[in-house]
Amino acid sequence: MPARQRREKVVVKLIQAKNEIEDAIAIAGPAARYEVAVLSGTARDGLNSIILSIEKIIETLHEAALGEGEESFNAGTESEVP
């Protein structure tokens, strides 16, 4: 498999992981005003940090592809999963 295809697959997997973490954060919040949240603020902050890290890795892969003369990926970083 050519490097471009492998890189694109990695980007898609990273976007899927990012989406899964975002979904977990969304469902872990309190359902009602006085209900206890499933995730603590510290855990939520840690997951948000992971999301930012994933976004930076995707950007790094994108820049590496452009540096190798490739056009941009089909998959973007805005939760676009085929």
PDB file of N, CA and C in Angstrom:
ATOM      1  N   MET A   1       0.853  -1.170   0.000  1.00  0.00           N
ATOM      2  CA  MET A   1       0.000   0.000   0.000  1.00  0.00           C
ATOM      3  C   MET A   1       0.903   1.239   0.000  1.00  0.00           C
ATOM      4  N   PRO A   2       0.661   2.167  -0.911  1.00  0.00           N
ATOM      5  CA  PRO A   2       1.482   3.382  -0.966  1.00  0.00           C
ATOM      6  C   PRO A   2       1.356   4.227   0.309  1.00  0.00           C
ATOM      7  N   ALA A   3       2.390   5.007   0.547  1.00  0.00           N
ATOM      8  CA  ALA A   3       2.434   5.833   1.762  1.00  0.00           C
ATOM      9  C   ALA A   3       1.235   6.767   1.852  1.00  0.00           C
ATOM     10  N   ARG A   4       0.806   7.326   0.736  1.00  0.00           N
ATOM     11  CA  ARG A   4      -0.332   8.252   0.761  1.00  0.00           C
ATOM     12  C   ARG A   4      -1.582   7.557   1.288  1.00  0.00           C
ATOM     13  N   GLN A   5      -1.850   6.359   0.810  1.00  0.00           N
ATOM     14  CA  GLN A   5      -3.032   5.622   1.271  1.00  0.00           C
ATOM     15  C   GLN A   5      -2.936   5.288   2.757  1.00  0.00           C
ATOM     16  N   ARG A   6      -1.761   4.879   3.185  1.00  0.00           N
ATOM     17  CA  ARG A   6      -1.580   4.569   4.617  1.00  0.00           C
ATOM     18  C   ARG A   6      -1.803   5.825   5.455  1.00  0.00           C
ATOM     19  N   ARG A   7      -1.250   6.941   4.991  1.00  0.00           N
ATOM     20  CA  ARG A   7      -1.400   8.207   5.715  1.00  0.00           C
ATOM     21  C   ARG A   7      -2.879   8.598   5.796  1.00  0.00           C
ATOM     22  N   GLU A   8      -3.596   8.465   4.691  1.00  0.00           N
ATOM     23  CA  GLU A   8      -5.012   8.806   4.692  1.00  0.00           C
ATOM     24  C   GLU A   8      -5.803   7.909   5.644  1.00  0.00           C
ATOM     25  N   LYS A   9      -5.460   6.628   5.695  1.00  0.00           N
ATOM     26  CA  LYS A   9      -6.136   5.710   6.615  1.00  0.00           C
ATOM     27  C   LYS A   9      -5.864   6.099   8.062  1.00  0.00           C
ATOM     28  N   VAL A  10      -4.625   6.503   8.340  1.00  0.00           N
ATOM     29  CA  VAL A  10      -4.280   6.943   9.693  1.00  0.00           C
ATOM     30  C   VAL A  10      -5.091   8.183  10.057  1.00  0.00           C
ATOM     31  N   VAL A  11      -5.197   9.123   9.130  1.00  0.00           N
ATOM     32  CA  VAL A  11      -5.964  10.337   9.391  1.00  0.00           C
ATOM     33  C   VAL A  11      -7.428  10.004   9.661  1.00  0.00           C
ATOM     34  N   VAL A  12      -8.005   9.126   8.878  1.00  0.00           N
ATOM     35  CA  VAL A  12      -9.398   8.733   9.093  1.00  0.00           C
ATOM     36  C   VAL A  12      -9.569   8.104  10.470  1.00  0.00           C
ATOM     37  N   LYS A  13      -8.658   7.212  10.849  1.00  0.00           N
ATOM     38  CA  LYS A  13      -8.732   6.574  12.175  1.00  0.00           C
ATOM     39  C   LYS A  13      -8.617   7.616  13.295  1.00  0.00           C
ATOM     40  N   LEU A  14      -7.722   8.586  13.123  1.00  0.00           N
ATOM     41  CA  LEU A  14      -7.566   9.629  14.137  1.00  0.00           C
ATOM     42  C   LEU A  14      -8.830  10.483  14.244  1.00  0.00           C
ATOM     43  N   ILE A  15      -9.439  10.789  13.110  1.00  0.00           N
ATOM     44  CA  ILE A  15     -10.685  11.568  13.132  1.00  0.00           C
ATOM     45  C   ILE A  15     -11.784  10.773  13.824  1.00  0.00           C
ATOM     46  N   GLN A  16     -11.853   9.482  13.551  1.00  0.00           N
ATOM     47  CA  GLN A  16     -12.852   8.639  14.219  1.00  0.00           C
ATOM     48  C   GLN A  16     -12.618   8.603  15.724  1.00  0.00           C
ATOM     49  N   ALA A  17     -11.366   8.496  16.143  1.00  0.00           N
ATOM     50  CA  ALA A  17     -11.044   8.489  17.574  1.00  0.00           C
ATOM     51  C   ALA A  17     -11.454   9.815  18.212  1.00  0.00           C
ATOM     52  N   LYS A  18     -11.155  10.897  17.534  1.00  0.00           N
ATOM     53  CA  LYS A  18     -11.530  12.235  18.024  1.00  0.00           C
ATOM     54  C   LYS A  18     -13.039  12.334  18.179  1.00  0.00           C
ATOM     55  N   ASN A  19     -13.778  11.843  17.186  1.00  0.00           N
ATOM     56  CA  ASN A  19     -15.241  11.883  17.250  1.00  0.00           C
ATOM     57  C   ASN A  19     -15.775  11.042  18.400  1.00  0.00           C
ATOM     58  N   GLU A  20     -15.174   9.879  18.626  1.00  0.00           N
ATOM     59  CA  GLU A  20     -15.601   9.015  19.731  1.00  0.00           C
ATOM     60  C   GLU A  20     -15.372   9.697  21.082  1.00  0.00           C
ATOM     61  N   ILE A  21     -14.248  10.362  21.231  1.00  0.00           N
ATOM     62  CA  ILE A  21     -13.963  11.072  22.483  1.00  0.00           C
ATOM     63  C   ILE A  21     -14.949  12.218  22.670  1.00  0.00           C
ATOM     64  N   GLU A  22     -15.224  12.953  21.595  1.00  0.00           N
ATOM     65  CA  GLU A  22     -16.202  14.048  21.687  1.00  0.00           C
ATOM     66  C   GLU A  22     -17.577  13.516  22.081  1.00  0.00           C
ATOM     67  N   ASP A  23     -17.965  12.372  21.514  1.00  0.00           N
ATOM     68  CA  ASP A  23     -19.248  11.761  21.873  1.00  0.00           C
ATOM     69  C   ASP A  23     -19.265  11.346  23.341  1.00  0.00           C
ATOM     70  N   ALA A  24     -18.160  10.775  23.812  1.00  0.00           N
ATOM     71  CA  ALA A  24     -18.086  10.354  25.211  1.00  0.00           C
ATOM     72  C   ALA A  24     -18.236  11.555  26.151  1.00  0.00           C
ATOM     73  N   ILE A  25     -17.595  12.657  25.808  1.00  0.00           N
ATOM     74  CA  ILE A  25     -17.716  13.868  26.626  1.00  0.00           C
ATOM     75  C   ILE A  25     -19.161  14.344  26.639  1.00  0.00           C
ATOM     76  N   ALA A  26     -19.798  14.315  25.467  1.00  0.00           N
ATOM     77  CA  ALA A  26     -21.172  14.802  25.360  1.00  0.00           C
ATOM     78  C   ALA A  26     -22.147  13.974  26.195  1.00  0.00           C
ATOM     79  N   ILE A  27     -21.998  12.650  26.166  1.00  0.00           N
ATOM     80  CA  ILE A  27     -22.955  11.821  26.914  1.00  0.00           C
ATOM     81  C   ILE A  27     -22.614  11.708  28.395  1.00  0.00           C
ATOM     82  N   ALA A  28     -21.418  12.118  28.780  1.00  0.00           N
ATOM     83  CA  ALA A  28     -21.011  11.998  30.176  1.00  0.00           C
ATOM     84  C   ALA A  28     -21.462  13.179  31.029  1.00  0.00           C
ATOM     85  N   GLY A  29     -21.949  14.208  30.385  1.00  0.00           N
ATOM     86  CA  GLY A  29     -22.416  15.371  31.136  1.00  0.00           C
ATOM     87  C   GLY A  29     -23.714  15.063  31.860  1.00  0.00           C
ATOM     88  N   PRO A  30     -24.083  15.914  32.800  1.00  0.00           N
ATOM     89  CA  PRO A  30     -25.332  15.691  33.529  1.00  0.00           C
ATOM     90  C   PRO A  30     -26.531  15.800  32.591  1.00  0.00           C
ATOM     91  N   ALA A  31     -27.514  14.911  32.771  1.00  0.00           N
ATOM     92  CA  ALA A  31     -28.716  14.927  31.939  1.00  0.00           C
ATOM     93  C   ALA A  31     -29.725  15.951  32.456  1.00  0.00           C
ATOM     94  N   ALA A  32     -29.639  16.237  33.733  1.00  0.00           N
ATOM     95  CA  ALA A  32     -30.541  17.207  34.341  1.00  0.00           C
ATOM     96  C   ALA A  32     -29.713  18.203  35.153  1.00  0.00           C
ATOM     97  N   ARG A  33     -30.329  19.277  35.509  1.00  0.00           N
ATOM     98  CA  ARG A  33     -29.620  20.375  36.173  1.00  0.00           C
ATOM     99  C   ARG A  33     -28.882  19.945  37.436  1.00  0.00           C
ATOM    100  N   TYR A  34     -29.474  19.128  38.255  1.00  0.00           N
ATOM    101  CA  TYR A  34     -28.868  18.758  39.533  1.00  0.00           C
ATOM    102  C   TYR A  34     -28.285  17.346  39.537  1.00  0.00           C
ATOM    103  N   GLU A  35     -28.187  16.743  38.391  1.00  0.00           N
ATOM    104  CA  GLU A  35     -27.634  15.397  38.295  1.00  0.00           C
ATOM    105  C   GLU A  35     -26.105  15.462  38.274  1.00  0.00           C
ATOM    106  N   VAL A  36     -25.481  14.444  38.816  1.00  0.00           N
ATOM    107  CA  VAL A  36     -24.019  14.387  38.855  1.00  0.00           C
ATOM    108  C   VAL A  36     -23.496  13.975  37.484  1.00  0.00           C
ATOM    109  N   ALA A  37     -22.447  14.635  37.034  1.00  0.00           N
ATOM    110  CA  ALA A  37     -21.815  14.283  35.758  1.00  0.00           C
ATOM    111  C   ALA A  37     -21.007  13.004  35.929  1.00  0.00           C
ATOM    112  N   VAL A  38     -20.915  12.208  34.868  1.00  0.00           N
ATOM    113  CA  VAL A  38     -20.159  10.964  34.913  1.00  0.00           C
ATOM    114  C   VAL A  38     -18.659  11.249  34.949  1.00  0.00           C
ATOM    115  N   LEU A  39     -18.220  12.267  34.218  1.00  0.00           N
ATOM    116  CA  LEU A  39     -16.800  12.630  34.182  1.00  0.00           C
ATOM    117  C   LEU A  39     -16.544  13.851  35.059  1.00  0.00           C
ATOM    118  N   SER A  40     -15.463  13.806  35.789  1.00  0.00           N
ATOM    119  CA  SER A  40     -15.076  14.981  36.570  1.00  0.00           C
ATOM    120  C   SER A  40     -14.544  16.049  35.624  1.00  0.00           C
ATOM    121  N   GLY A  41     -14.425  17.242  36.106  1.00  0.00           N
ATOM    122  CA  GLY A  41     -13.863  18.329  35.303  1.00  0.00           C
ATOM    123  C   GLY A  41     -12.447  18.019  34.860  1.00  0.00           C
ATOM    124  N   THR A  42     -11.686  17.381  35.732  1.00  0.00           N
ATOM    125  CA  THR A  42     -10.305  17.017  35.396  1.00  0.00           C
ATOM    126  C   THR A  42     -10.272  15.990  34.268  1.00  0.00           C
ATOM    127  N   ALA A  43     -11.147  15.004  34.339  1.00  0.00           N
ATOM    128  CA  ALA A  43     -11.207  13.987  33.284  1.00  0.00           C
ATOM    129  C   ALA A  43     -11.641  14.618  31.966  1.00  0.00           C
ATOM    130  N   ARG A  44     -12.627  15.495  32.033  1.00  0.00           N
ATOM    131  CA  ARG A  44     -13.111  16.192  30.838  1.00  0.00           C
ATOM    132  C   ARG A  44     -11.988  17.034  30.225  1.00  0.00           C
ATOM    133  N   ASP A  45     -11.237  17.727  31.065  1.00  0.00           N
ATOM    134  CA  ASP A  45     -10.106  18.533  30.578  1.00  0.00           C
ATOM    135  C   ASP A  45      -9.051  17.648  29.922  1.00  0.00           C
ATOM    136  N   GLY A  46      -8.790  16.487  30.524  1.00  0.00           N
ATOM    137  CA  GLY A  46      -7.819  15.556  29.949  1.00  0.00           C
ATOM    138  C   GLY A  46      -8.253  15.065  28.581  1.00  0.00           C
ATOM    139  N   LEU A  47      -9.535  14.746  28.433  1.00  0.00           N
ATOM    140  CA  LEU A  47     -10.041  14.298  27.143  1.00  0.00           C
ATOM    141  C   LEU A  47      -9.997  15.419  26.108  1.00  0.00           C
ATOM    142  N   ASN A  48     -10.302  16.635  26.536  1.00  0.00           N
ATOM    143  CA  ASN A  48     -10.196  17.769  25.617  1.00  0.00           C
ATOM    144  C   ASN A  48      -8.756  17.977  25.171  1.00  0.00           C
ATOM    145  N   SER A  49      -7.816  17.723  26.062  1.00  0.00           N
ATOM    146  CA  SER A  49      -6.401  17.816  25.716  1.00  0.00           C
ATOM    147  C   SER A  49      -6.022  16.758  24.678  1.00  0.00           C
ATOM    148  N   ILE A  50      -6.566  15.559  24.835  1.00  0.00           N
ATOM    149  CA  ILE A  50      -6.321  14.496  23.857  1.00  0.00           C
ATOM    150  C   ILE A  50      -6.873  14.901  22.493  1.00  0.00           C
ATOM    151  N   ILE A  51      -8.055  15.491  22.476  1.00  0.00           N
ATOM    152  CA  ILE A  51      -8.643  15.950  21.221  1.00  0.00           C
ATOM    153  C   ILE A  51      -7.730  16.961  20.532  1.00  0.00           C
ATOM    154  N   LEU A  52      -7.215  17.906  21.300  1.00  0.00           N
ATOM    155  CA  LEU A  52      -6.299  18.904  20.728  1.00  0.00           C
ATOM    156  C   LEU A  52      -5.031  18.244  20.190  1.00  0.00           C
ATOM    157  N   SER A  53      -4.525  17.249  20.914  1.00  0.00           N
ATOM    158  CA  SER A  53      -3.340  16.525  20.453  1.00  0.00           C
ATOM    159  C   SER A  53      -3.607  15.799  19.144  1.00  0.00           C
ATOM    160  N   ILE A  54      -4.764  15.159  19.050  1.00  0.00           N
ATOM    161  CA  ILE A  54      -5.124  14.462  17.817  1.00  0.00           C
ATOM    162  C   ILE A  54      -5.209  15.453  16.660  1.00  0.00           C
ATOM    163  N   GLU A  55      -5.812  16.609  16.898  1.00  0.00           N
ATOM    164  CA  GLU A  55      -5.921  17.621  15.848  1.00  0.00           C
ATOM    165  C   GLU A  55      -4.539  18.092  15.385  1.00  0.00           C
ATOM    166  N   LYS A  56      -3.606  18.240  16.326  1.00  0.00           N
ATOM    167  CA  LYS A  56      -2.246  18.646  15.961  1.00  0.00           C
ATOM    168  C   LYS A  56      -1.553  17.563  15.145  1.00  0.00           C
ATOM    169  N   ILE A  57      -1.756  16.295  15.510  1.00  0.00           N
ATOM    170  CA  ILE A  57      -1.152  15.192  14.758  1.00  0.00           C
ATOM    171  C   ILE A  57      -1.709  15.159  13.336  1.00  0.00           C
ATOM    172  N   ILE A  58      -3.010  15.342  13.201  1.00  0.00           N
ATOM    173  CA  ILE A  58      -3.626  15.368  11.866  1.00  0.00           C
ATOM    174  C   ILE A  58      -3.034  16.503  11.041  1.00  0.00           C
ATOM    175  N   GLU A  59      -2.879  17.655  11.640  1.00  0.00           N
ATOM    176  CA  GLU A  59      -2.292  18.803  10.934  1.00  0.00           C
ATOM    177  C   GLU A  59      -0.850  18.511  10.528  1.00  0.00           C
ATOM    178  N   THR A  60      -0.099  17.869  11.400  1.00  0.00           N
ATOM    179  CA  THR A  60       1.284  17.509  11.083  1.00  0.00           C
ATOM    180  C   THR A  60       1.339  16.548   9.896  1.00  0.00           C
ATOM    181  N   LEU A  61       0.453  15.562   9.880  1.00  0.00           N
ATOM    182  CA  LEU A  61       0.400  14.630   8.759  1.00  0.00           C
ATOM    183  C   LEU A  61       0.017  15.345   7.467  1.00  0.00           C
ATOM    184  N   HIS A  62      -0.902  16.273   7.580  1.00  0.00           N
ATOM    185  CA  HIS A  62      -1.325  17.041   6.414  1.00  0.00           C
ATOM    186  C   HIS A  62      -0.159  17.870   5.864  1.00  0.00           C
ATOM    187  N   GLU A  63       0.567  18.527   6.748  1.00  0.00           N
ATOM    188  CA  GLU A  63       1.720  19.332   6.325  1.00  0.00           C
ATOM    189  C   GLU A  63       2.808  18.461   5.710  1.00  0.00           C
ATOM    190  N   ALA A  64       3.021  17.267   6.259  1.00  0.00           N
ATOM    191  CA  ALA A  64       4.022  16.353   5.708  1.00  0.00           C
ATOM    192  C   ALA A  64       3.628  15.929   4.297  1.00  0.00           C
ATOM    193  N   ALA A  65       2.352  15.694   4.083  1.00  0.00           N
ATOM    194  CA  ALA A  65       1.877  15.312   2.753  1.00  0.00           C
ATOM    195  C   ALA A  65       2.094  16.448   1.759  1.00  0.00           C
ATOM    196  N   LEU A  66       1.797  17.653   2.181  1.00  0.00           N
ATOM    197  CA  LEU A  66       1.995  18.800   1.295  1.00  0.00           C
ATOM    198  C   LEU A  66       3.475  19.007   0.998  1.00  0.00           C
ATOM    199  N   GLY A  67       4.323  18.741   1.990  1.00  0.00           N
ATOM    200  CA  GLY A  67       5.766  18.857   1.805  1.00  0.00           C
ATOM    201  C   GLY A  67       6.311  17.838   0.822  1.00  0.00           C
ATOM    202  N   GLU A  68       5.599  16.731   0.677  1.00  0.00           N
ATOM    203  CA  GLU A  68       6.008  15.689  -0.263  1.00  0.00           C
ATOM    204  C   GLU A  68       5.367  15.892  -1.632  1.00  0.00           C
ATOM    205  N   GLY A  69       4.691  17.036  -1.813  1.00  0.00           N
ATOM    206  CA  GLY A  69       4.084  17.345  -3.095  1.00  0.00           C
ATOM    207  C   GLY A  69       2.718  16.736  -3.309  1.00  0.00           C
ATOM    208  N   GLU A  70       2.119  16.175  -2.289  1.00  0.00           N
ATOM    209  CA  GLU A  70       0.782  15.605  -2.413  1.00  0.00           C
ATOM    210  C   GLU A  70      -0.249  16.711  -2.250  1.00  0.00           C
ATOM    211  N   GLU A  71      -1.409  16.498  -2.853  1.00  0.00           N
ATOM    212  CA  GLU A  71      -2.510  17.416  -2.640  1.00  0.00           C
ATOM    213  C   GLU A  71      -3.116  17.112  -1.285  1.00  0.00           C
ATOM    214  N   SER A  72      -4.058  17.951  -0.864  1.00  0.00           N
ATOM    215  CA  SER A  72      -4.645  17.763   0.453  1.00  0.00           C
ATOM    216  C   SER A  72      -5.405  16.452   0.535  1.00  0.00           C
ATOM    217  N   PHE A  73      -5.618  15.988   1.767  1.00  0.00           N
ATOM    218  CA  PHE A  73      -6.325  14.749   2.006  1.00  0.00           C
ATOM    219  C   PHE A  73      -7.777  14.876   1.617  1.00  0.00           C
ATOM    220  N   ASN A  74      -8.403  13.743   1.364  1.00  0.00           N
ATOM    221  CA  ASN A  74      -9.849  13.719   1.170  1.00  0.00           C
ATOM    222  C   ASN A  74     -10.549  13.956   2.497  1.00  0.00           C
ATOM    223  N   ALA A  75      -9.969  13.453   3.573  1.00  0.00           N
ATOM    224  CA  ALA A  75     -10.564  13.597   4.901  1.00  0.00           C
ATOM    225  C   ALA A  75     -10.043  14.860   5.550  1.00  0.00           C
ATOM    226  N   GLY A  76     -10.942  15.650   6.113  1.00  0.00           N
ATOM    227  CA  GLY A  76     -10.560  16.876   6.792  1.00  0.00           C
ATOM    228  C   GLY A  76     -10.506  16.666   8.274  1.00  0.00           C
ATOM    229  N   THR A  77     -10.271  17.723   9.020  1.00  0.00           N
ATOM    230  CA  THR A  77     -10.211  17.611  10.473  1.00  0.00           C
ATOM    231  C   THR A  77     -11.495  18.047  11.126  1.00  0.00           C
ATOM    232  N   GLU A  78     -12.500  18.374  10.338  1.00  0.00           N
ATOM    233  CA  GLU A  78     -13.756  18.834  10.896  1.00  0.00           C
ATOM    234  C   GLU A  78     -14.780  17.711  10.967  1.00  0.00           C
ATOM    235  N   SER A  79     -14.389  16.588  11.520  1.00  0.00           N
ATOM    236  CA  SER A  79     -15.267  15.446  11.740  1.00  0.00           C
ATOM    237  C   SER A  79     -15.857  14.904  10.436  1.00  0.00           C
ATOM    238  N   GLU A  80     -15.078  14.915   9.382  1.00  0.00           N
ATOM    239  CA  GLU A  80     -15.543  14.385   8.103  1.00  0.00           C
ATOM    240  C   GLU A  80     -14.987  12.982   7.933  1.00  0.00           C
ATOM    241  N   VAL A  81     -15.809  12.004   8.223  1.00  0.00           N
ATOM    242  CA  VAL A  81     -15.386  10.614   8.072  1.00  0.00           C
ATOM    243  C   VAL A  81     -16.210  10.011   6.956  1.00  0.00           C
ATOM    244  N   PRO A  82     -15.554   9.388   5.960  1.00  0.00           N
ATOM    245  CA  PRO A  82     -16.312   8.815   4.837  1.00  0.00           C
ATOM    246  C   PRO A  82     -17.226   7.692   5.280  1.00  0.00           C
TER     247      PRO A  82
END
